[in-house]
Amino acid sequence: DIEKASELTEGNAWFQLYNPVDNAIRDNIIERAE
């Protein structure tokens, strides 16, 4: 998951988004990446 990738790279991992149909899921994933 995003959080583990961030932990292992000290916040340097990039994230590739498969765009979800549900905007709420999309926004939550973006917020997690941020």
PDB file of all heavy atoms in Angstrom:
ATOM      1  N   ASP A   1       0.818  -1.210   0.000  1.00  0.00           N
ATOM      2  CA  ASP A   1       0.000   0.000   0.000  1.00  0.00           C
ATOM      3  C   ASP A   1       0.855   1.265   0.000  1.00  0.00           C
ATOM      4  O   ASP A   1       2.081   1.223   0.168  1.00  0.00           O
ATOM      5  CB  ASP A   1      -0.996  -0.002   1.168  1.00  0.00           C
ATOM      6  CG  ASP A   1      -0.341  -0.001   2.543  1.00  0.00           C
ATOM      7  OD1 ASP A   1       0.781   0.538   2.679  1.00  0.00           O
ATOM      8  OD2 ASP A   1      -0.952  -0.525   3.487  1.00  0.00           O
ATOM      9  N   ILE A   2       0.189   2.389  -0.219  1.00  0.00           N
ATOM     10  CA  ILE A   2       0.863   3.687  -0.316  1.00  0.00           C
ATOM     11  C   ILE A   2       1.665   3.974   0.949  1.00  0.00           C
ATOM     12  O   ILE A   2       2.808   4.449   0.891  1.00  0.00           O
ATOM     13  CB  ILE A   2      -0.174   4.810  -0.526  1.00  0.00           C
ATOM     14  CG1 ILE A   2      -1.002   4.569  -1.780  1.00  0.00           C
ATOM     15  CG2 ILE A   2       0.516   6.168  -0.585  1.00  0.00           C
ATOM     16  CD1 ILE A   2      -2.203   5.509  -1.903  1.00  0.00           C
ATOM     17  N   GLU A   3       1.069   3.689   2.088  1.00  0.00           N
ATOM     18  CA  GLU A   3       1.695   4.047   3.359  1.00  0.00           C
ATOM     19  C   GLU A   3       3.007   3.270   3.576  1.00  0.00           C
ATOM     20  O   GLU A   3       4.003   3.846   4.042  1.00  0.00           O
ATOM     21  CB  GLU A   3       0.713   3.781   4.504  1.00  0.00           C
ATOM     22  CG  GLU A   3      -0.469   4.746   4.543  1.00  0.00           C
ATOM     23  CD  GLU A   3      -1.555   4.472   3.489  1.00  0.00           C
ATOM     24  OE1 GLU A   3      -1.560   3.362   2.894  1.00  0.00           O
ATOM     25  OE2 GLU A   3      -2.392   5.361   3.278  1.00  0.00           O
ATOM     26  N   LYS A   4       3.004   1.984   3.235  1.00  0.00           N
ATOM     27  CA  LYS A   4       4.224   1.183   3.384  1.00  0.00           C
ATOM     28  C   LYS A   4       5.301   1.651   2.412  1.00  0.00           C
ATOM     29  O   LYS A   4       6.493   1.734   2.772  1.00  0.00           O
ATOM     30  CB  LYS A   4       3.909  -0.296   3.153  1.00  0.00           C
ATOM     31  CG  LYS A   4       5.093  -1.236   3.383  1.00  0.00           C
ATOM     32  CD  LYS A   4       5.522  -1.245   4.842  1.00  0.00           C
ATOM     33  CE  LYS A   4       6.607  -2.289   5.093  1.00  0.00           C
ATOM     34  NZ  LYS A   4       7.077  -2.274   6.495  1.00  0.00           N
ATOM     35  N   ALA A   5       4.910   1.960   1.177  1.00  0.00           N
ATOM     36  CA  ALA A   5       5.879   2.459   0.191  1.00  0.00           C
ATOM     37  C   ALA A   5       6.523   3.750   0.681  1.00  0.00           C
ATOM     38  O   ALA A   5       7.734   3.962   0.535  1.00  0.00           O
ATOM     39  CB  ALA A   5       5.194   2.679  -1.151  1.00  0.00           C
ATOM     40  N   SER A   6       5.717   4.610   1.280  1.00  0.00           N
ATOM     41  CA  SER A   6       6.234   5.865   1.811  1.00  0.00           C
ATOM     42  C   SER A   6       7.202   5.621   2.961  1.00  0.00           C
ATOM     43  O   SER A   6       8.255   6.261   3.057  1.00  0.00           O
ATOM     44  CB  SER A   6       5.079   6.751   2.280  1.00  0.00           C
ATOM     45  OG  SER A   6       5.555   7.925   2.892  1.00  0.00           O
ATOM     46  N   GLU A   7       6.837   4.694   3.821  1.00  0.00           N
ATOM     47  CA  GLU A   7       7.697   4.369   4.967  1.00  0.00           C
ATOM     48  C   GLU A   7       9.068   3.871   4.493  1.00  0.00           C
ATOM     49  O   GLU A   7      10.108   4.296   5.005  1.00  0.00           O
ATOM     50  CB  GLU A   7       7.017   3.304   5.827  1.00  0.00           C
ATOM     51  CG  GLU A   7       7.846   2.803   6.991  1.00  0.00           C
ATOM     52  CD  GLU A   7       7.218   1.597   7.669  1.00  0.00           C
ATOM     53  OE1 GLU A   7       5.982   1.450   7.623  1.00  0.00           O
ATOM     54  OE2 GLU A   7       7.976   0.784   8.240  1.00  0.00           O
ATOM     55  N   LEU A   8       9.074   2.987   3.496  1.00  0.00           N
ATOM     56  CA  LEU A   8      10.321   2.376   3.035  1.00  0.00           C
ATOM     57  C   LEU A   8      11.193   3.346   2.247  1.00  0.00           C
ATOM     58  O   LEU A   8      12.403   3.151   2.136  1.00  0.00           O
ATOM     59  CB  LEU A   8      10.021   1.137   2.185  1.00  0.00           C
ATOM     60  CG  LEU A   8       9.357  -0.028   2.914  1.00  0.00           C
ATOM     61  CD1 LEU A   8       9.012  -1.144   1.939  1.00  0.00           C
ATOM     62  CD2 LEU A   8      10.262  -0.562   4.029  1.00  0.00           C
ATOM     63  N   THR A   9      10.577   4.376   1.669  1.00  0.00           N
ATOM     64  CA  THR A   9      11.334   5.346   0.860  1.00  0.00           C
ATOM     65  C   THR A   9      11.431   6.712   1.535  1.00  0.00           C
ATOM     66  O   THR A   9      11.879   7.677   0.907  1.00  0.00           O
ATOM     67  CB  THR A   9      10.679   5.523  -0.524  1.00  0.00           C
ATOM     68  OG1 THR A   9       9.351   6.067  -0.351  1.00  0.00           O
ATOM     69  CG2 THR A   9      10.589   4.204  -1.276  1.00  0.00           C
ATOM     70  N   GLU A  10      11.000   6.784   2.784  1.00  0.00           N
ATOM     71  CA  GLU A  10      10.988   8.040   3.543  1.00  0.00           C
ATOM     72  C   GLU A  10      10.280   9.157   2.768  1.00  0.00           C
ATOM     73  O   GLU A  10      10.781  10.280   2.648  1.00  0.00           O
ATOM     74  CB  GLU A  10      12.424   8.436   3.932  1.00  0.00           C
ATOM     75  CG  GLU A  10      13.075   7.405   4.856  1.00  0.00           C
ATOM     76  CD  GLU A  10      14.353   7.896   5.509  1.00  0.00           C
ATOM     77  OE1 GLU A  10      14.643   9.111   5.428  1.00  0.00           O
ATOM     78  OE2 GLU A  10      15.059   7.065   6.093  1.00  0.00           O
ATOM     79  N   GLY A  11       9.118   8.794   2.244  1.00  0.00           N
ATOM     80  CA  GLY A  11       8.261   9.773   1.570  1.00  0.00           C
ATOM     81  C   GLY A  11       8.652  10.093   0.147  1.00  0.00           C
ATOM     82  O   GLY A  11       8.164  11.083  -0.414  1.00  0.00           O
ATOM     83  N   ASN A  12       9.495   9.267  -0.469  1.00  0.00           N
ATOM     84  CA  ASN A  12       9.972   9.557  -1.820  1.00  0.00           C
ATOM     85  C   ASN A  12       9.313   8.720  -2.910  1.00  0.00           C
ATOM     86  O   ASN A  12       9.650   8.887  -4.089  1.00  0.00           O
ATOM     87  CB  ASN A  12      11.491   9.384  -1.889  1.00  0.00           C
ATOM     88  CG  ASN A  12      12.225  10.496  -1.168  1.00  0.00           C
ATOM     89  OD1 ASN A  12      12.286  11.616  -1.654  1.00  0.00           O
ATOM     90  ND2 ASN A  12      12.764  10.198   0.002  1.00  0.00           N
ATOM     91  N   ALA A  13       8.424   7.807  -2.563  1.00  0.00           N
ATOM     92  CA  ALA A  13       7.782   6.975  -3.582  1.00  0.00           C
ATOM     93  C   ALA A  13       6.795   7.799  -4.410  1.00  0.00           C
ATOM     94  O   ALA A  13       6.053   8.620  -3.876  1.00  0.00           O
ATOM     95  CB  ALA A  13       7.054   5.802  -2.927  1.00  0.00           C
ATOM     96  N   TRP A  14       6.796   7.593  -5.706  1.00  0.00           N
ATOM     97  CA  TRP A  14       5.772   8.151  -6.581  1.00  0.00           C
ATOM     98  C   TRP A  14       4.589   7.183  -6.580  1.00  0.00           C
ATOM     99  O   TRP A  14       4.744   5.995  -6.287  1.00  0.00           O
ATOM    100  CB  TRP A  14       6.297   8.315  -7.996  1.00  0.00           C
ATOM    101  CG  TRP A  14       7.487   9.204  -8.159  1.00  0.00           C
ATOM    102  CD1 TRP A  14       8.327   9.681  -7.180  1.00  0.00           C
ATOM    103  CD2 TRP A  14       8.015   9.709  -9.403  1.00  0.00           C
ATOM    104  NE1 TRP A  14       9.320  10.446  -7.730  1.00  0.00           N
ATOM    105  CE2 TRP A  14       9.159  10.491  -9.085  1.00  0.00           C
ATOM    106  CE3 TRP A  14       7.628   9.582 -10.738  1.00  0.00           C
ATOM    107  CZ2 TRP A  14       9.923  11.122 -10.085  1.00  0.00           C
ATOM    108  CZ3 TRP A  14       8.386  10.219 -11.726  1.00  0.00           C
ATOM    109  CH2 TRP A  14       9.512  10.978 -11.397  1.00  0.00           C
ATOM    110  N   PHE A  15       3.412   7.682  -6.919  1.00  0.00           N
ATOM    111  CA  PHE A  15       2.228   6.815  -6.933  1.00  0.00           C
ATOM    112  C   PHE A  15       1.503   6.909  -8.273  1.00  0.00           C
ATOM    113  O   PHE A  15       1.226   8.008  -8.758  1.00  0.00           O
ATOM    114  CB  PHE A  15       1.256   7.173  -5.805  1.00  0.00           C
ATOM    115  CG  PHE A  15       0.052   6.271  -5.753  1.00  0.00           C
ATOM    116  CD1 PHE A  15       0.181   4.960  -5.344  1.00  0.00           C
ATOM    117  CD2 PHE A  15      -1.206   6.726  -6.137  1.00  0.00           C
ATOM    118  CE1 PHE A  15      -0.924   4.104  -5.311  1.00  0.00           C
ATOM    119  CE2 PHE A  15      -2.316   5.887  -6.110  1.00  0.00           C
ATOM    120  CZ  PHE A  15      -2.167   4.571  -5.691  1.00  0.00           C
ATOM    121  N   GLN A  16       1.227   5.745  -8.857  1.00  0.00           N
ATOM    122  CA  GLN A  16       0.479   5.682 -10.111  1.00  0.00           C
ATOM    123  C   GLN A  16      -0.982   5.365  -9.823  1.00  0.00           C
ATOM    124  O   GLN A  16      -1.300   4.371  -9.170  1.00  0.00           O
ATOM    125  CB  GLN A  16       1.053   4.596 -11.023  1.00  0.00           C
ATOM    126  CG  GLN A  16       0.303   4.455 -12.340  1.00  0.00           C
ATOM    127  CD  GLN A  16       0.461   3.060 -12.940  1.00  0.00           C
ATOM    128  OE1 GLN A  16       0.130   2.053 -12.323  1.00  0.00           O
ATOM    129  NE2 GLN A  16       0.975   3.008 -14.151  1.00  0.00           N
ATOM    130  N   LEU A  17      -1.859   6.220 -10.315  1.00  0.00           N
ATOM    131  CA  LEU A  17      -3.287   6.085 -10.041  1.00  0.00           C
ATOM    132  C   LEU A  17      -4.039   5.506 -11.230  1.00  0.00           C
ATOM    133  O   LEU A  17      -4.032   6.071 -12.317  1.00  0.00           O
ATOM    134  CB  LEU A  17      -3.888   7.453  -9.691  1.00  0.00           C
ATOM    135  CG  LEU A  17      -5.392   7.485  -9.399  1.00  0.00           C
ATOM    136  CD1 LEU A  17      -5.712   6.717  -8.120  1.00  0.00           C
ATOM    137  CD2 LEU A  17      -5.886   8.924  -9.304  1.00  0.00           C
ATOM    138  N   TYR A  18      -4.675   4.355 -11.013  1.00  0.00           N
ATOM    139  CA  TYR A  18      -5.735   3.878 -11.905  1.00  0.00           C
ATOM    140  C   TYR A  18      -6.975   4.679 -11.513  1.00  0.00           C
ATOM    141  O   TYR A  18      -7.427   4.591 -10.374  1.00  0.00           O
ATOM    142  CB  TYR A  18      -6.023   2.391 -11.672  1.00  0.00           C
ATOM    143  CG  TYR A  18      -5.228   1.422 -12.504  1.00  0.00           C
ATOM    144  CD1 TYR A  18      -3.891   1.170 -12.226  1.00  0.00           C
ATOM    145  CD2 TYR A  18      -5.833   0.733 -13.560  1.00  0.00           C
ATOM    146  CE1 TYR A  18      -3.161   0.257 -12.971  1.00  0.00           C
ATOM    147  CE2 TYR A  18      -5.112  -0.184 -14.308  1.00  0.00           C
ATOM    148  CZ  TYR A  18      -3.779  -0.425 -14.011  1.00  0.00           C
ATOM    149  OH  TYR A  18      -3.068  -1.322 -14.746  1.00  0.00           O
ATOM    150  N   ASN A  19      -7.525   5.448 -12.420  1.00  0.00           N
ATOM    151  CA  ASN A  19      -8.605   6.344 -12.030  1.00  0.00           C
ATOM    152  C   ASN A  19      -9.865   5.569 -11.648  1.00  0.00           C
ATOM    153  O   ASN A  19     -10.431   4.839 -12.464  1.00  0.00           O
ATOM    154  CB  ASN A  19      -8.932   7.300 -13.176  1.00  0.00           C
ATOM    155  CG  ASN A  19      -9.891   8.384 -12.752  1.00  0.00           C
ATOM    156  OD1 ASN A  19      -9.668   9.039 -11.748  1.00  0.00           O
ATOM    157  ND2 ASN A  19     -10.959   8.565 -13.499  1.00  0.00           N
ATOM    158  N   PRO A  20     -10.353   5.720 -10.404  1.00  0.00           N
ATOM    159  CA  PRO A  20     -11.565   5.014  -9.998  1.00  0.00           C
ATOM    160  C   PRO A  20     -12.821   5.663 -10.588  1.00  0.00           C
ATOM    161  O   PRO A  20     -12.839   6.867 -10.865  1.00  0.00           O
ATOM    162  CB  PRO A  20     -11.567   5.150  -8.470  1.00  0.00           C
ATOM    163  CG  PRO A  20     -10.234   5.716  -8.105  1.00  0.00           C
ATOM    164  CD  PRO A  20      -9.749   6.458  -9.292  1.00  0.00           C
ATOM    165  N   VAL A  21     -13.855   4.877 -10.747  1.00  0.00           N
ATOM    166  CA  VAL A  21     -15.145   5.407 -11.178  1.00  0.00           C
ATOM    167  C   VAL A  21     -15.745   6.282 -10.089  1.00  0.00           C
ATOM    168  O   VAL A  21     -16.355   7.320 -10.365  1.00  0.00           O
ATOM    169  CB  VAL A  21     -16.102   4.240 -11.539  1.00  0.00           C
ATOM    170  CG1 VAL A  21     -17.493   4.770 -11.838  1.00  0.00           C
ATOM    171  CG2 VAL A  21     -15.561   3.461 -12.735  1.00  0.00           C
ATOM    172  N   ASP A  22     -15.577   5.869  -8.845  1.00  0.00           N
ATOM    173  CA  ASP A  22     -16.137   6.572  -7.688  1.00  0.00           C
ATOM    174  C   ASP A  22     -15.233   7.744  -7.295  1.00  0.00           C
ATOM    175  O   ASP A  22     -14.070   7.556  -6.917  1.00  0.00           O
ATOM    176  CB  ASP A  22     -16.264   5.576  -6.526  1.00  0.00           C
ATOM    177  CG  ASP A  22     -17.006   6.147  -5.330  1.00  0.00           C
ATOM    178  OD1 ASP A  22     -16.826   7.346  -5.039  1.00  0.00           O
ATOM    179  OD2 ASP A  22     -17.750   5.394  -4.681  1.00  0.00           O
ATOM    180  N   ASN A  23     -15.770   8.945  -7.352  1.00  0.00           N
ATOM    181  CA  ASN A  23     -14.972  10.131  -7.030  1.00  0.00           C
ATOM    182  C   ASN A  23     -14.519  10.161  -5.578  1.00  0.00           C
ATOM    183  O   ASN A  23     -13.450  10.696  -5.257  1.00  0.00           O
ATOM    184  CB  ASN A  23     -15.760  11.402  -7.348  1.00  0.00           C
ATOM    185  CG  ASN A  23     -15.974  11.597  -8.834  1.00  0.00           C
ATOM    186  OD1 ASN A  23     -15.280  10.998  -9.662  1.00  0.00           O
ATOM    187  ND2 ASN A  23     -16.936  12.430  -9.193  1.00  0.00           N
ATOM    188  N   ALA A  24     -15.317   9.598  -4.694  1.00  0.00           N
ATOM    189  CA  ALA A  24     -14.951   9.572  -3.276  1.00  0.00           C
ATOM    190  C   ALA A  24     -13.719   8.688  -3.063  1.00  0.00           C
ATOM    191  O   ALA A  24     -12.816   9.037  -2.279  1.00  0.00           O
ATOM    192  CB  ALA A  24     -16.124   9.079  -2.436  1.00  0.00           C
ATOM    193  N   ILE A  25     -13.669   7.546  -3.753  1.00  0.00           N
ATOM    194  CA  ILE A  25     -12.493   6.676  -3.663  1.00  0.00           C
ATOM    195  C   ILE A  25     -11.283   7.389  -4.258  1.00  0.00           C
ATOM    196  O   ILE A  25     -10.195   7.382  -3.681  1.00  0.00           O
ATOM    197  CB  ILE A  25     -12.750   5.333  -4.383  1.00  0.00           C
ATOM    198  CG1 ILE A  25     -13.828   4.538  -3.651  1.00  0.00           C
ATOM    199  CG2 ILE A  25     -11.455   4.521  -4.484  1.00  0.00           C
ATOM    200  CD1 ILE A  25     -14.191   3.225  -4.323  1.00  0.00           C
ATOM    201  N   ARG A  26     -11.476   8.016  -5.407  1.00  0.00           N
ATOM    202  CA  ARG A  26     -10.392   8.767  -6.048  1.00  0.00           C
ATOM    203  C   ARG A  26      -9.811   9.808  -5.092  1.00  0.00           C
ATOM    204  O   ARG A  26      -8.596   9.875  -4.885  1.00  0.00           O
ATOM    205  CB  ARG A  26     -10.926   9.464  -7.299  1.00  0.00           C
ATOM    206  CG  ARG A  26      -9.908  10.352  -8.020  1.00  0.00           C
ATOM    207  CD  ARG A  26     -10.619  11.342  -8.922  1.00  0.00           C
ATOM    208  NE  ARG A  26     -11.376  12.337  -8.143  1.00  0.00           N
ATOM    209  CZ  ARG A  26     -12.350  13.092  -8.635  1.00  0.00           C
ATOM    210  NH1 ARG A  26     -12.729  12.948  -9.895  1.00  0.00           N
ATOM    211  NH2 ARG A  26     -12.979  13.968  -7.859  1.00  0.00           N
ATOM    212  N   ASP A  27     -10.686  10.599  -4.500  1.00  0.00           N
ATOM    213  CA  ASP A  27     -10.225  11.665  -3.617  1.00  0.00           C
ATOM    214  C   ASP A  27      -9.515  11.113  -2.392  1.00  0.00           C
ATOM    215  O   ASP A  27      -8.512  11.674  -1.923  1.00  0.00           O
ATOM    216  CB  ASP A  27     -11.397  12.546  -3.192  1.00  0.00           C
ATOM    217  CG  ASP A  27     -11.935  13.403  -4.332  1.00  0.00           C
ATOM    218  OD1 ASP A  27     -11.259  13.487  -5.384  1.00  0.00           O
ATOM    219  OD2 ASP A  27     -13.035  13.981  -4.185  1.00  0.00           O
ATOM    220  N   ASN A  28     -10.015  10.010  -1.859  1.00  0.00           N
ATOM    221  CA  ASN A  28      -9.392   9.430  -0.673  1.00  0.00           C
ATOM    222  C   ASN A  28      -8.005   8.879  -0.989  1.00  0.00           C
ATOM    223  O   ASN A  28      -7.063   9.050  -0.202  1.00  0.00           O
ATOM    224  CB  ASN A  28     -10.278   8.326  -0.083  1.00  0.00           C
ATOM    225  CG  ASN A  28      -9.742   7.803   1.239  1.00  0.00           C
ATOM    226  OD1 ASN A  28      -9.242   6.691   1.313  1.00  0.00           O
ATOM    227  ND2 ASN A  28      -9.825   8.617   2.292  1.00  0.00           N
ATOM    228  N   ILE A  29      -7.850   8.232  -2.134  1.00  0.00           N
ATOM    229  CA  ILE A  29      -6.530   7.729  -2.519  1.00  0.00           C
ATOM    230  C   ILE A  29      -5.550   8.886  -2.703  1.00  0.00           C
ATOM    231  O   ILE A  29      -4.405   8.829  -2.249  1.00  0.00           O
ATOM    232  CB  ILE A  29      -6.629   6.892  -3.814  1.00  0.00           C
ATOM    233  CG1 ILE A  29      -7.404   5.597  -3.560  1.00  0.00           C
ATOM    234  CG2 ILE A  29      -5.233   6.558  -4.341  1.00  0.00           C
ATOM    235  CD1 ILE A  29      -7.631   4.756  -4.797  1.00  0.00           C
ATOM    236  N   ILE A  30      -5.999   9.967  -3.339  1.00  0.00           N
ATOM    237  CA  ILE A  30      -5.141  11.132  -3.532  1.00  0.00           C
ATOM    238  C   ILE A  30      -4.741  11.728  -2.186  1.00  0.00           C
ATOM    239  O   ILE A  30      -3.580  12.101  -1.963  1.00  0.00           O
ATOM    240  CB  ILE A  30      -5.843  12.180  -4.417  1.00  0.00           C
ATOM    241  CG1 ILE A  30      -5.978  11.655  -5.847  1.00  0.00           C
ATOM    242  CG2 ILE A  30      -5.082  13.498  -4.408  1.00  0.00           C
ATOM    243  CD1 ILE A  30      -6.798  12.548  -6.766  1.00  0.00           C
ATOM    244  N   GLU A  31      -5.695  11.793  -1.252  1.00  0.00           N
ATOM    245  CA  GLU A  31      -5.401  12.324   0.083  1.00  0.00           C
ATOM    246  C   GLU A  31      -4.396  11.437   0.813  1.00  0.00           C
ATOM    247  O   GLU A  31      -3.502  11.939   1.518  1.00  0.00           O
ATOM    248  CB  GLU A  31      -6.698  12.435   0.890  1.00  0.00           C
ATOM    249  CG  GLU A  31      -7.595  13.582   0.422  1.00  0.00           C
ATOM    250  CD  GLU A  31      -9.031  13.448   0.904  1.00  0.00           C
ATOM    251  OE1 GLU A  31      -9.298  12.535   1.736  1.00  0.00           O
ATOM    252  OE2 GLU A  31      -9.886  14.237   0.452  1.00  0.00           O
ATOM    253  N   ARG A  32      -4.505  10.131   0.641  1.00  0.00           N
ATOM    254  CA  ARG A  32      -3.544   9.214   1.255  1.00  0.00           C
ATOM    255  C   ARG A  32      -2.150   9.404   0.658  1.00  0.00           C
ATOM    256  O   ARG A  32      -1.145   9.397   1.378  1.00  0.00           O
ATOM    257  CB  ARG A  32      -4.004   7.763   1.076  1.00  0.00           C
ATOM    258  CG  ARG A  32      -5.210   7.392   1.924  1.00  0.00           C
ATOM    259  CD  ARG A  32      -5.753   6.022   1.512  1.00  0.00           C
ATOM    260  NE  ARG A  32      -4.777   4.958   1.715  1.00  0.00           N
ATOM    261  CZ  ARG A  32      -4.910   3.725   1.194  1.00  0.00           C
ATOM    262  NH1 ARG A  32      -5.965   3.429   0.458  1.00  0.00           N
ATOM    263  NH2 ARG A  32      -3.984   2.821   1.418  1.00  0.00           N
ATOM    264  N   ALA A  33      -2.086   9.575  -0.672  1.00  0.00           N
ATOM    265  CA  ALA A  33      -0.795   9.796  -1.327  1.00  0.00           C
ATOM    266  C   ALA A  33      -0.162  11.097  -0.848  1.00  0.00           C
ATOM    267  O   ALA A  33       1.052  11.167  -0.601  1.00  0.00           O
ATOM    268  CB  ALA A  33      -0.966   9.799  -2.839  1.00  0.00           C
ATOM    269  N   GLU A  34      -0.990  12.121  -0.681  1.00  0.00           N
ATOM    270  CA  GLU A  34      -0.490  13.406  -0.193  1.00  0.00           C
ATOM    271  C   GLU A  34      -0.001  13.278   1.245  1.00  0.00           C
ATOM    272  O   GLU A  34       1.082  13.769   1.603  1.00  0.00           O
ATOM    273  CB  GLU A  34      -1.578  14.475  -0.290  1.00  0.00           C
ATOM    274  CG  GLU A  34      -1.120  15.854   0.141  1.00  0.00           C
ATOM    275  CD  GLU A  34      -2.209  16.914  -0.022  1.00  0.00           C
ATOM    276  OE1 GLU A  34      -3.399  16.550  -0.081  1.00  0.00           O
ATOM    277  OE2 GLU A  34      -1.851  18.103  -0.072  1.00  0.00           O
TER     278      GLU A  34
END
